[in-house]
Amino acid sequence: MARIDHLKSQVARAVRLAKAILDQHTADRLQAFAAECRTELQVLGLKTAA
């Protein structure tokens, strides 16, 4: 469960930073990182449900 909590925290942090930052390249990278974390959360959720 700790991994899931960590990923949720990282998603929230990356999205928050992406909205506040002025550099578009960095904002895009943060959004991509958040998307990767969301994907991993979905995979972990499927493994937990099985």
C-alpha atoms as a PDB file:
ATOM      1  CA  MET A   1       0.000   0.000   0.000  1.00  0.00           C
ATOM      2  CA  ALA A   2       2.881   2.361   0.603  1.00  0.00           C
ATOM      3  CA  ARG A   3       3.720   2.342  -3.128  1.00  0.00           C
ATOM      4  CA  ILE A   4       0.164   3.337  -4.040  1.00  0.00           C
ATOM      5  CA  ASP A   5       0.189   6.203  -1.544  1.00  0.00           C
ATOM      6  CA  HIS A   6       3.562   7.351  -2.835  1.00  0.00           C
ATOM      7  CA  LEU A   7       2.353   7.345  -6.445  1.00  0.00           C
ATOM      8  CA  LYS A   8      -0.799   9.282  -5.542  1.00  0.00           C
ATOM      9  CA  SER A   9       1.336  11.870  -3.785  1.00  0.00           C
ATOM     10  CA  GLN A  10       3.672  12.130  -6.767  1.00  0.00           C
ATOM     11  CA  VAL A  11       0.754  12.623  -9.170  1.00  0.00           C
ATOM     12  CA  ALA A  12      -0.687  15.436  -7.056  1.00  0.00           C
ATOM     13  CA  ARG A  13       2.699  17.086  -6.682  1.00  0.00           C
ATOM     14  CA  ALA A  14       3.585  16.872 -10.388  1.00  0.00           C
ATOM     15  CA  VAL A  15       0.229  18.286 -11.479  1.00  0.00           C
ATOM     16  CA  ARG A  16       0.470  21.118  -8.955  1.00  0.00           C
ATOM     17  CA  LEU A  17       3.993  22.011 -10.091  1.00  0.00           C
ATOM     18  CA  ALA A  18       3.056  21.790 -13.774  1.00  0.00           C
ATOM     19  CA  LYS A  19       0.304  24.371 -13.230  1.00  0.00           C
ATOM     20  CA  ALA A  20       2.602  26.752 -11.348  1.00  0.00           C
ATOM     21  CA  ILE A  21       5.690  26.587 -13.569  1.00  0.00           C
ATOM     22  CA  LEU A  22       6.274  28.977 -16.459  1.00  0.00           C
ATOM     23  CA  ASP A  23       8.606  26.807 -18.542  1.00  0.00           C
ATOM     24  CA  GLN A  24       6.384  24.864 -20.936  1.00  0.00           C
ATOM     25  CA  HIS A  25       8.908  22.087 -21.544  1.00  0.00           C
ATOM     26  CA  THR A  26       9.209  21.390 -17.831  1.00  0.00           C
ATOM     27  CA  ALA A  27       5.430  21.565 -17.387  1.00  0.00           C
ATOM     28  CA  ASP A  28       5.003  19.018 -20.192  1.00  0.00           C
ATOM     29  CA  ARG A  29       7.567  16.698 -18.585  1.00  0.00           C
ATOM     30  CA  LEU A  30       5.768  16.948 -15.239  1.00  0.00           C
ATOM     31  CA  GLN A  31       2.441  16.129 -16.896  1.00  0.00           C
ATOM     32  CA  ALA A  32       4.046  13.133 -18.610  1.00  0.00           C
ATOM     33  CA  PHE A  33       5.444  11.946 -15.277  1.00  0.00           C
ATOM     34  CA  ALA A  34       2.003  12.277 -13.698  1.00  0.00           C
ATOM     35  CA  ALA A  35       0.538  10.200 -16.534  1.00  0.00           C
ATOM     36  CA  GLU A  36       3.166   7.488 -15.975  1.00  0.00           C
ATOM     37  CA  CYS A  37       2.330   7.400 -12.275  1.00  0.00           C
ATOM     38  CA  ARG A  38      -1.394   7.142 -13.048  1.00  0.00           C
ATOM     39  CA  THR A  39      -0.696   4.216 -15.374  1.00  0.00           C
ATOM     40  CA  GLU A  40       1.311   2.459 -12.689  1.00  0.00           C
ATOM     41  CA  LEU A  41      -1.493   3.088 -10.195  1.00  0.00           C
ATOM     42  CA  GLN A  42      -3.946   1.415 -12.561  1.00  0.00           C
ATOM     43  CA  VAL A  43      -1.654  -1.589 -12.968  1.00  0.00           C
ATOM     44  CA  LEU A  44      -1.178  -1.888  -9.206  1.00  0.00           C
ATOM     45  CA  GLY A  45      -4.921  -1.563  -8.722  1.00  0.00           C
ATOM     46  CA  LEU A  46      -5.536  -4.452 -11.104  1.00  0.00           C
ATOM     47  CA  LYS A  47      -2.923  -6.605  -9.345  1.00  0.00           C
ATOM     48  CA  THR A  48      -4.475  -5.832  -5.964  1.00  0.00           C
ATOM     49  CA  ALA A  49      -7.974  -6.732  -7.170  1.00  0.00           C
ATOM     50  CA  ALA A  50      -6.846 -10.082  -8.606  1.00  0.00           C
END
